[in-house]
Amino acid sequence: MASLEGRVAVVTGAGQGIGAAIMRRFATDGALVAGLDLHEEAVASVLDATGLRGLAIGCDVSQRDQVEAAMAQVDAELGRLDILVNNAGLTRDNLIHKMTDEDFDTVVGVHLRGSFLCSQAAQRYMVPRHYGKIVMLSSRSALGNRGQANYSAVKAAVQGLARTLALELGPFGINVNAIAPGHIESAMTRAVAERVGITYDDLRARTIEANSIKRVGQPEDVANLAAFLVSDDSSYITGQTIYIAGRP
């Protein structure tokens, strides 16, 4: 794996789960990291617990003014902005006849609008330097998932956003790709079990039974792939969605 020494990476939703694992992996590979999250203190705790170098920034990624201020702070305090991982997310699951406008709009706002705003702001720092790596977090739910009309729709849209930005930003030395995880052990996955009315152990067992690789994913599995996609080892890969789900 190529070193990220000297790179500056922004990871959204970095206070827990996949985002925290990605931030830790990037720092281990030598990057300076900036973690964005609604809860700044959660990112600070991750940094403090592992002795990582970086910034903890409170940010609602669905709000343009907060996103632009956060990216400006990263550039000012860390000197550049090379890498962006759009990971921030949440779920508001329900069947279509029960889903409210607020449930739909909230998920669209964080996942899709947030990825758009963060990418738009970050590329302004990347284009002049003719270098950048952007990774979008999609999901296997992009293929459709009962009770997730909002979540499935935005995770599919994120893949289209990644392909489009790859076309637009490639001439400026910027690679854009998406990662689509399946079942990854996290607070969000536990919330899915609660939503469908089963225990997490039951959900986990069902996933293992369905998977070709007989285990569930860990946040570090996603972090390993993200580390490759933001390294120079992946310089000829762009506009792709890579599924990481333990099954075809």
C-alpha atoms as a PDB file:
ATOM      1  CA  MET A   1       0.000   0.000   0.000  1.00  0.00           C
ATOM      2  CA  ALA A   2       1.315   3.413  -0.925  1.00  0.00           C
ATOM      3  CA  SER A   3       1.993   5.859   1.875  1.00  0.00           C
ATOM      4  CA  LEU A   4      -0.323   8.798   2.542  1.00  0.00           C
ATOM      5  CA  GLU A   5       2.536  10.731   4.101  1.00  0.00           C
ATOM      6  CA  GLY A   6       2.093  14.452   3.532  1.00  0.00           C
ATOM      7  CA  ARG A   7      -1.543  14.137   2.447  1.00  0.00           C
ATOM      8  CA  VAL A   8      -4.444  15.862   4.197  1.00  0.00           C
ATOM      9  CA  ALA A   9      -7.678  13.891   4.396  1.00  0.00           C
ATOM     10  CA  VAL A  10     -11.199  14.947   5.339  1.00  0.00           C
ATOM     11  CA  VAL A  11     -13.574  12.229   6.528  1.00  0.00           C
ATOM     12  CA  THR A  12     -17.218  13.066   7.216  1.00  0.00           C
ATOM     13  CA  GLY A  13     -19.226  11.170   9.795  1.00  0.00           C
ATOM     14  CA  ALA A  14     -15.944  10.405  11.544  1.00  0.00           C
ATOM     15  CA  GLY A  15     -17.245  10.154  15.094  1.00  0.00           C
ATOM     16  CA  GLN A  16     -17.942   6.427  15.018  1.00  0.00           C
ATOM     17  CA  GLY A  17     -18.158   3.269  12.949  1.00  0.00           C
ATOM     18  CA  ILE A  18     -16.864   3.277   9.386  1.00  0.00           C
ATOM     19  CA  GLY A  19     -15.868   6.950   9.452  1.00  0.00           C
ATOM     20  CA  ALA A  20     -13.779   6.539  12.586  1.00  0.00           C
ATOM     21  CA  ALA A  21     -12.096   3.432  11.151  1.00  0.00           C
ATOM     22  CA  ILE A  22     -11.247   5.257   7.911  1.00  0.00           C
ATOM     23  CA  MET A  23      -9.836   8.204   9.819  1.00  0.00           C
ATOM     24  CA  ARG A  24      -7.678   5.892  11.933  1.00  0.00           C
ATOM     25  CA  ARG A  25      -6.402   4.004   8.887  1.00  0.00           C
ATOM     26  CA  PHE A  26      -5.505   7.170   6.980  1.00  0.00           C
ATOM     27  CA  ALA A  27      -3.615   8.518   9.980  1.00  0.00           C
ATOM     28  CA  THR A  28      -1.769   5.214  10.361  1.00  0.00           C
ATOM     29  CA  ASP A  29      -0.743   5.509   6.701  1.00  0.00           C
ATOM     30  CA  GLY A  30       0.733   8.951   7.389  1.00  0.00           C
ATOM     31  CA  ALA A  31      -2.028  11.415   6.509  1.00  0.00           C
ATOM     32  CA  LEU A  32      -3.076  14.403   8.541  1.00  0.00           C
ATOM     33  CA  VAL A  33      -6.776  13.886   9.172  1.00  0.00           C
ATOM     34  CA  ALA A  34      -9.748  16.150   9.734  1.00  0.00           C
ATOM     35  CA  GLY A  35     -12.886  14.470  11.020  1.00  0.00           C
ATOM     36  CA  LEU A  36     -16.232  16.169  10.414  1.00  0.00           C
ATOM     37  CA  ASP A  37     -19.269  15.151  12.410  1.00  0.00           C
ATOM     38  CA  LEU A  38     -22.398  16.641  13.922  1.00  0.00           C
ATOM     39  CA  HIS A  39     -20.800  15.777  17.250  1.00  0.00           C
ATOM     40  CA  GLU A  40     -17.338  17.332  17.280  1.00  0.00           C
ATOM     41  CA  GLU A  41     -16.604  15.774  20.672  1.00  0.00           C
ATOM     42  CA  ALA A  42     -17.066  12.270  19.215  1.00  0.00           C
ATOM     43  CA  VAL A  43     -14.330  12.907  16.650  1.00  0.00           C
ATOM     44  CA  ALA A  44     -12.100  14.425  19.332  1.00  0.00           C
ATOM     45  CA  SER A  45     -12.555  11.273  21.413  1.00  0.00           C
ATOM     46  CA  VAL A  46     -11.472   9.072  18.503  1.00  0.00           C
ATOM     47  CA  LEU A  47      -8.400  11.220  17.931  1.00  0.00           C
ATOM     48  CA  ASP A  48      -7.493  11.386  21.620  1.00  0.00           C
ATOM     49  CA  ALA A  49      -7.992   7.662  22.219  1.00  0.00           C
ATOM     50  CA  THR A  50      -5.547   6.706  19.497  1.00  0.00           C
ATOM     51  CA  GLY A  51      -3.146   9.644  19.614  1.00  0.00           C
ATOM     52  CA  LEU A  52      -3.859  10.627  16.020  1.00  0.00           C
ATOM     53  CA  ARG A  53      -2.810  13.925  14.472  1.00  0.00           C
ATOM     54  CA  GLY A  54      -5.684  15.954  13.180  1.00  0.00           C
ATOM     55  CA  LEU A  55      -8.694  18.184  13.597  1.00  0.00           C
ATOM     56  CA  ALA A  56     -12.162  17.554  15.001  1.00  0.00           C
ATOM     57  CA  ILE A  57     -14.731  19.819  13.363  1.00  0.00           C
ATOM     58  CA  GLY A  58     -18.431  20.049  14.122  1.00  0.00           C
ATOM     59  CA  CYS A  59     -20.344  20.177  10.839  1.00  0.00           C
ATOM     60  CA  ASP A  60     -23.795  19.451   9.459  1.00  0.00           C
ATOM     61  CA  VAL A  61     -22.895  18.326   5.940  1.00  0.00           C
ATOM     62  CA  SER A  62     -26.352  19.241   4.622  1.00  0.00           C
ATOM     63  CA  GLN A  63     -25.675  22.937   5.329  1.00  0.00           C
ATOM     64  CA  ARG A  64     -23.585  24.796   2.746  1.00  0.00           C
ATOM     65  CA  ASP A  65     -22.226  27.453   5.107  1.00  0.00           C
ATOM     66  CA  GLN A  66     -20.978  24.861   7.596  1.00  0.00           C
ATOM     67  CA  VAL A  67     -19.386  22.716   4.889  1.00  0.00           C
ATOM     68  CA  GLU A  68     -17.563  25.613   3.257  1.00  0.00           C
ATOM     69  CA  ALA A  69     -16.341  26.884   6.633  1.00  0.00           C
ATOM     70  CA  ALA A  70     -15.065  23.409   7.541  1.00  0.00           C
ATOM     71  CA  MET A  71     -13.130  22.968   4.295  1.00  0.00           C
ATOM     72  CA  ALA A  72     -11.638  26.442   4.641  1.00  0.00           C
ATOM     73  CA  GLN A  73     -10.536  25.597   8.184  1.00  0.00           C
ATOM     74  CA  VAL A  74      -8.859  22.396   7.007  1.00  0.00           C
ATOM     75  CA  ASP A  75      -6.951  24.234   4.277  1.00  0.00           C
ATOM     76  CA  ALA A  76      -5.946  27.050   6.618  1.00  0.00           C
ATOM     77  CA  GLU A  77      -4.823  24.870   9.537  1.00  0.00           C
ATOM     78  CA  LEU A  78      -3.445  21.800   7.747  1.00  0.00           C
ATOM     79  CA  GLY A  79      -2.149  23.566   4.650  1.00  0.00           C
ATOM     80  CA  ARG A  80      -3.964  21.710   1.893  1.00  0.00           C
ATOM     81  CA  LEU A  81      -6.830  19.332   1.127  1.00  0.00           C
ATOM     82  CA  ASP A  82      -5.984  16.207  -0.856  1.00  0.00           C
ATOM     83  CA  ILE A  83      -8.569  13.588   0.107  1.00  0.00           C
ATOM     84  CA  LEU A  84     -12.285  13.616   0.856  1.00  0.00           C
ATOM     85  CA  VAL A  85     -14.380  10.695   2.055  1.00  0.00           C
ATOM     86  CA  ASN A  86     -18.119  11.367   2.029  1.00  0.00           C
ATOM     87  CA  ASN A  87     -19.226   8.964   4.753  1.00  0.00           C
ATOM     88  CA  ALA A  88     -21.736  10.923   6.869  1.00  0.00           C
ATOM     89  CA  GLY A  89     -25.088   9.192   6.965  1.00  0.00           C
ATOM     90  CA  LEU A  90     -28.175   8.157   8.868  1.00  0.00           C
ATOM     91  CA  THR A  91     -31.312   6.105   8.365  1.00  0.00           C
ATOM     92  CA  ARG A  92     -34.997   6.947   8.669  1.00  0.00           C
ATOM     93  CA  ASP A  93     -36.444   3.605   7.591  1.00  0.00           C
ATOM     94  CA  ASN A  94     -40.100   2.892   6.952  1.00  0.00           C
ATOM     95  CA  LEU A  95     -42.379   1.323   4.391  1.00  0.00           C
ATOM     96  CA  ILE A  96     -43.444   3.657   1.605  1.00  0.00           C
ATOM     97  CA  HIS A  97     -46.994   4.148   2.909  1.00  0.00           C
ATOM     98  CA  LYS A  98     -45.627   5.203   6.301  1.00  0.00           C
ATOM     99  CA  MET A  99     -42.602   7.273   5.256  1.00  0.00           C
ATOM    100  CA  THR A 100     -42.945  10.983   5.974  1.00  0.00           C
ATOM    101  CA  ASP A 101     -41.626  13.897   3.942  1.00  0.00           C
ATOM    102  CA  GLU A 102     -39.251  14.656   6.795  1.00  0.00           C
ATOM    103  CA  ASP A 103     -37.888  11.079   6.814  1.00  0.00           C
ATOM    104  CA  PHE A 104     -37.261  11.236   3.075  1.00  0.00           C
ATOM    105  CA  ASP A 105     -35.819  14.753   2.998  1.00  0.00           C
ATOM    106  CA  THR A 106     -33.507  14.175   5.981  1.00  0.00           C
ATOM    107  CA  VAL A 107     -31.871  11.133   4.377  1.00  0.00           C
ATOM    108  CA  VAL A 108     -31.543  12.899   1.020  1.00  0.00           C
ATOM    109  CA  GLY A 109     -30.095  15.958   2.744  1.00  0.00           C
ATOM    110  CA  VAL A 110     -27.330  14.154   4.601  1.00  0.00           C
ATOM    111  CA  HIS A 111     -26.336  11.471   2.097  1.00  0.00           C
ATOM    112  CA  LEU A 112     -26.834  13.103  -1.290  1.00  0.00           C
ATOM    113  CA  ARG A 113     -26.851  16.850  -0.677  1.00  0.00           C
ATOM    114  CA  GLY A 114     -24.049  16.368   1.862  1.00  0.00           C
ATOM    115  CA  SER A 115     -21.903  14.448  -0.633  1.00  0.00           C
ATOM    116  CA  PHE A 116     -22.558  17.103  -3.272  1.00  0.00           C
ATOM    117  CA  LEU A 117     -21.769  20.048  -0.990  1.00  0.00           C
ATOM    118  CA  CYS A 118     -18.606  18.494   0.445  1.00  0.00           C
ATOM    119  CA  SER A 119     -17.338  17.442  -2.985  1.00  0.00           C
ATOM    120  CA  GLN A 120     -18.079  20.846  -4.487  1.00  0.00           C
ATOM    121  CA  ALA A 121     -16.265  22.628  -1.670  1.00  0.00           C
ATOM    122  CA  ALA A 122     -13.298  20.237  -1.602  1.00  0.00           C
ATOM    123  CA  GLN A 123     -12.641  20.300  -5.343  1.00  0.00           C
ATOM    124  CA  ARG A 124     -12.033  24.047  -5.163  1.00  0.00           C
ATOM    125  CA  TYR A 125      -8.876  23.251  -3.184  1.00  0.00           C
ATOM    126  CA  MET A 126      -7.945  20.190  -5.267  1.00  0.00           C
ATOM    127  CA  VAL A 127      -8.280  21.581  -8.804  1.00  0.00           C
ATOM    128  CA  PRO A 128      -5.574  24.295  -8.490  1.00  0.00           C
ATOM    129  CA  ARG A 129      -3.134  21.669  -7.193  1.00  0.00           C
ATOM    130  CA  HIS A 130      -4.130  19.226  -9.938  1.00  0.00           C
ATOM    131  CA  TYR A 131      -4.500  16.446  -7.397  1.00  0.00           C
ATOM    132  CA  GLY A 132      -7.290  14.908  -5.372  1.00  0.00           C
ATOM    133  CA  LYS A 133      -9.061  11.740  -4.262  1.00  0.00           C
ATOM    134  CA  ILE A 134     -12.782  11.639  -3.480  1.00  0.00           C
ATOM    135  CA  VAL A 135     -14.553   8.545  -2.156  1.00  0.00           C
ATOM    136  CA  MET A 136     -18.326   8.292  -1.776  1.00  0.00           C
ATOM    137  CA  LEU A 137     -19.916   5.804   0.627  1.00  0.00           C
ATOM    138  CA  SER A 138     -22.764   4.071  -1.152  1.00  0.00           C
ATOM    139  CA  SER A 139     -24.332   0.799   0.033  1.00  0.00           C
ATOM    140  CA  ARG A 140     -25.514  -2.576  -1.190  1.00  0.00           C
ATOM    141  CA  SER A 141     -28.955  -1.135  -0.421  1.00  0.00           C
ATOM    142  CA  ALA A 142     -28.550   0.822  -3.665  1.00  0.00           C
ATOM    143  CA  LEU A 143     -29.809  -2.380  -5.288  1.00  0.00           C
ATOM    144  CA  GLY A 144     -33.081  -1.993  -3.363  1.00  0.00           C
ATOM    145  CA  ASN A 145     -34.042  -2.866   0.198  1.00  0.00           C
ATOM    146  CA  ARG A 146     -37.482  -3.202   1.742  1.00  0.00           C
ATOM    147  CA  GLY A 147     -38.327  -0.303   4.041  1.00  0.00           C
ATOM    148  CA  GLN A 148     -35.540   1.890   2.701  1.00  0.00           C
ATOM    149  CA  ALA A 149     -37.003   3.789  -0.253  1.00  0.00           C
ATOM    150  CA  ASN A 150     -35.149   6.912   0.886  1.00  0.00           C
ATOM    151  CA  TYR A 151     -31.847   5.250   1.777  1.00  0.00           C
ATOM    152  CA  SER A 152     -31.735   2.973  -1.280  1.00  0.00           C
ATOM    153  CA  ALA A 153     -32.524   5.881  -3.594  1.00  0.00           C
ATOM    154  CA  VAL A 154     -29.767   8.123  -2.258  1.00  0.00           C
ATOM    155  CA  LYS A 155     -27.193   5.330  -2.198  1.00  0.00           C
ATOM    156  CA  ALA A 156     -27.903   4.666  -5.869  1.00  0.00           C
ATOM    157  CA  ALA A 157     -27.733   8.393  -6.573  1.00  0.00           C
ATOM    158  CA  VAL A 158     -24.348   8.636  -4.867  1.00  0.00           C
ATOM    159  CA  GLN A 159     -22.986   6.150  -7.401  1.00  0.00           C
ATOM    160  CA  GLY A 160     -24.215   8.369 -10.234  1.00  0.00           C
ATOM    161  CA  LEU A 161     -22.668  11.381  -8.540  1.00  0.00           C
ATOM    162  CA  ALA A 162     -19.327   9.591  -8.283  1.00  0.00           C
ATOM    163  CA  ARG A 163     -19.343   8.666 -11.981  1.00  0.00           C
ATOM    164  CA  THR A 164     -20.288  12.199 -13.014  1.00  0.00           C
ATOM    165  CA  LEU A 165     -17.637  13.868 -10.863  1.00  0.00           C
ATOM    166  CA  ALA A 166     -15.078  11.376 -12.177  1.00  0.00           C
ATOM    167  CA  LEU A 167     -15.834  12.634 -15.690  1.00  0.00           C
ATOM    168  CA  GLU A 168     -15.739  16.296 -14.729  1.00  0.00           C
ATOM    169  CA  LEU A 169     -12.742  16.253 -12.398  1.00  0.00           C
ATOM    170  CA  GLY A 170     -10.525  13.630 -14.024  1.00  0.00           C
ATOM    171  CA  PRO A 171      -8.802  16.172 -16.288  1.00  0.00           C
ATOM    172  CA  PHE A 172      -7.701  17.979 -13.118  1.00  0.00           C
ATOM    173  CA  GLY A 173      -5.983  14.934 -11.630  1.00  0.00           C
ATOM    174  CA  ILE A 174      -8.852  14.018  -9.314  1.00  0.00           C
ATOM    175  CA  ASN A 175     -10.081  10.434  -8.933  1.00  0.00           C
ATOM    176  CA  VAL A 176     -13.646   9.849  -7.726  1.00  0.00           C
ATOM    177  CA  ASN A 177     -14.953   6.410  -6.719  1.00  0.00           C
ATOM    178  CA  ALA A 178     -17.646   4.872  -4.556  1.00  0.00           C
ATOM    179  CA  ILE A 179     -17.638   2.065  -1.999  1.00  0.00           C
ATOM    180  CA  ALA A 180     -20.836   0.080  -1.462  1.00  0.00           C
ATOM    181  CA  PRO A 181     -20.689  -1.924   1.777  1.00  0.00           C
ATOM    182  CA  GLY A 182     -23.029  -4.704   2.728  1.00  0.00           C
ATOM    183  CA  HIS A 183     -23.544  -5.691   6.369  1.00  0.00           C
ATOM    184  CA  ILE A 184     -20.871  -3.900   8.388  1.00  0.00           C
ATOM    185  CA  GLU A 185     -21.045  -4.097  12.168  1.00  0.00           C
ATOM    186  CA  SER A 186     -22.014  -0.619  13.332  1.00  0.00           C
ATOM    187  CA  ALA A 187     -24.602   1.334  15.271  1.00  0.00           C
ATOM    188  CA  MET A 188     -26.506   1.859  12.010  1.00  0.00           C
ATOM    189  CA  THR A 189     -26.685  -1.887  11.362  1.00  0.00           C
ATOM    190  CA  ARG A 190     -27.944  -2.502  14.879  1.00  0.00           C
ATOM    191  CA  ALA A 191     -30.655   0.077  14.198  1.00  0.00           C
ATOM    192  CA  VAL A 192     -31.712  -1.959  11.162  1.00  0.00           C
ATOM    193  CA  ALA A 193     -32.264  -4.998  13.377  1.00  0.00           C
ATOM    194  CA  GLU A 194     -34.359  -2.924  15.732  1.00  0.00           C
ATOM    195  CA  ARG A 195     -36.370  -1.572  12.799  1.00  0.00           C
ATOM    196  CA  VAL A 196     -37.312  -5.026  11.527  1.00  0.00           C
ATOM    197  CA  GLY A 197     -38.064  -6.308  15.010  1.00  0.00           C
ATOM    198  CA  ILE A 198     -35.313  -8.897  15.444  1.00  0.00           C
ATOM    199  CA  THR A 199     -32.235  -9.087  17.606  1.00  0.00           C
ATOM    200  CA  TYR A 200     -28.926  -8.011  16.154  1.00  0.00           C
ATOM    201  CA  ASP A 201     -27.598 -11.549  16.708  1.00  0.00           C
ATOM    202  CA  ASP A 202     -30.388 -12.882  14.488  1.00  0.00           C
ATOM    203  CA  LEU A 203     -29.635 -10.318  11.775  1.00  0.00           C
ATOM    204  CA  ARG A 204     -25.957 -11.161  11.983  1.00  0.00           C
ATOM    205  CA  ALA A 205     -26.674 -14.890  11.674  1.00  0.00           C
ATOM    206  CA  ARG A 206     -28.903 -14.314   8.638  1.00  0.00           C
ATOM    207  CA  THR A 207     -26.176 -12.280   6.957  1.00  0.00           C
ATOM    208  CA  ILE A 208     -23.549 -14.941   7.574  1.00  0.00           C
ATOM    209  CA  GLU A 209     -25.863 -17.599   6.145  1.00  0.00           C
ATOM    210  CA  ALA A 210     -26.445 -15.534   2.974  1.00  0.00           C
ATOM    211  CA  ASN A 211     -22.814 -14.506   2.514  1.00  0.00           C
ATOM    212  CA  SER A 212     -20.263 -16.387   0.444  1.00  0.00           C
ATOM    213  CA  ILE A 213     -17.619 -15.258   2.942  1.00  0.00           C
ATOM    214  CA  LYS A 214     -18.971 -16.588   6.212  1.00  0.00           C
ATOM    215  CA  ARG A 215     -18.707 -13.543   8.421  1.00  0.00           C
ATOM    216  CA  VAL A 216     -20.061 -10.023   8.625  1.00  0.00           C
ATOM    217  CA  GLY A 217     -17.962  -7.036   7.666  1.00  0.00           C
ATOM    218  CA  GLN A 218     -16.043  -4.819  10.058  1.00  0.00           C
ATOM    219  CA  PRO A 219     -15.444  -1.067   9.691  1.00  0.00           C
ATOM    220  CA  GLU A 220     -11.783  -1.842   9.105  1.00  0.00           C
ATOM    221  CA  ASP A 221     -12.695  -3.807   5.950  1.00  0.00           C
ATOM    222  CA  VAL A 222     -14.137  -0.628   4.452  1.00  0.00           C
ATOM    223  CA  ALA A 223     -11.215   1.435   5.735  1.00  0.00           C
ATOM    224  CA  ASN A 224      -8.752  -0.878   3.977  1.00  0.00           C
ATOM    225  CA  LEU A 225     -10.504  -0.379   0.648  1.00  0.00           C
ATOM    226  CA  ALA A 226     -10.780   3.376   1.178  1.00  0.00           C
ATOM    227  CA  ALA A 227      -7.044   3.527   1.912  1.00  0.00           C
ATOM    228  CA  PHE A 228      -6.317   1.878  -1.432  1.00  0.00           C
ATOM    229  CA  LEU A 229      -8.684   4.157  -3.369  1.00  0.00           C
ATOM    230  CA  VAL A 230      -7.095   7.337  -1.978  1.00  0.00           C
ATOM    231  CA  SER A 231      -3.547   6.114  -2.513  1.00  0.00           C
ATOM    232  CA  ASP A 232      -1.512   6.618  -5.655  1.00  0.00           C
ATOM    233  CA  ASP A 233      -1.718   2.851  -6.222  1.00  0.00           C
ATOM    234  CA  SER A 234      -5.254   3.471  -7.543  1.00  0.00           C
ATOM    235  CA  SER A 235      -4.363   6.352  -9.853  1.00  0.00           C
ATOM    236  CA  TYR A 236      -5.923   4.683 -12.934  1.00  0.00           C
ATOM    237  CA  ILE A 237      -9.230   3.842 -11.221  1.00  0.00           C
ATOM    238  CA  THR A 238     -12.042   6.383 -11.366  1.00  0.00           C
ATOM    239  CA  GLY A 239     -15.828   6.469 -11.647  1.00  0.00           C
ATOM    240  CA  GLN A 240     -16.168   2.990 -10.184  1.00  0.00           C
ATOM    241  CA  THR A 241     -18.385   1.530  -7.473  1.00  0.00           C
ATOM    242  CA  ILE A 242     -16.797  -1.316  -5.545  1.00  0.00           C
ATOM    243  CA  TYR A 243     -19.107  -3.553  -3.530  1.00  0.00           C
ATOM    244  CA  ILE A 244     -17.664  -4.880  -0.291  1.00  0.00           C
ATOM    245  CA  ALA A 245     -20.285  -7.244   1.025  1.00  0.00           C
ATOM    246  CA  GLY A 246     -18.864 -10.737   1.430  1.00  0.00           C
ATOM    247  CA  ARG A 247     -21.062 -11.885  -1.456  1.00  0.00           C
ATOM    248  CA  PRO A 248     -21.526 -11.198  -5.187  1.00  0.00           C
END
